Structure formats: structure tokens, C-alpha cells
Amino acid sequence: QPQFLASGGGLVQPGGSLTLSCVASVSRLNLENFAIGWFRQAPGRERLELVACISQSGGGSTYHADSVLGRFTISRDNAKNTVNLQMNSLKSEDTAVYYCATSGATCYSDAEDFGSWGQGTQVTVSS
């Protein structure tokens, strides 16, 4: 079964920026056909927090959690077949492992409604 793989994490200072990318484990899978959500799991926490979601390309709607609104932006790069998460003005509380997954055509708010989870990417915000 295809998985969605996150990459682009790293160590960054507070106030810095990173761009995460989500790709499918199977290159022929067209991400435009899927709603993609970005989640994060903070250190010591089991809960996965939905950070942002973008619906299937035909709809094009996006969602950003209040905690990242105005700082993070989810978007598609159709030429590269990726869904990216641009993260600006990073804070220490953004430190987490970030994952991407799909909920079909429409975004949902609960991690249980998402599937095809793959490897995450570590984002550490620290001076």
C-alpha cells in the first residue's frame, strides 16, 4: 500500500523557517487526487495534532490550525507532485515529528480519518 513520506526537517533557530515536503512512496500516484494533511507529534505526547490540510485539487480548500495560522502555509507543487508545508517564524513549541497522510478527497480533523502514514521528519526549534 502506498505511503506518504515527509522530508525537509532539521534544526532551526527560533524565528527561522523550514519547508517540509510530502511525497508518495509510489511515484505514479498523483497527489492532486488526494486531500493531504500535515500532522505533528510533540515530544512526550501520543496525540497527533493536525497542523494543516489541503483538499483534493478540484476543491482546493485549505485548513490551518490556530496555533500555526499566519506562520505556516500548506500548498501543492504539482510539477514536483508534492504537498509542501512552509513554516515561518518557528517557535520552540513547533518542535515535533511531522507526518503527512491522506483522508481521501476531503480534509477531516481527526487523525483516525487519515491513512497511508509513512515516515515522519523531525523539526527541532532551538537556539
Foldseek 3Di string as FASTA:
>chain_A
DKAKEKDWADEAAAQAKTKIKIAIPDNVDQCLQFKKWKWWDAPPGPDIFTAKIAFRNVVGDMDGDPVQPPFWDWDDDRVRRIIMIIGGRDDQVVFTWMWMFTQGGDDDGGPVSTDRTDGTYTHGYHD
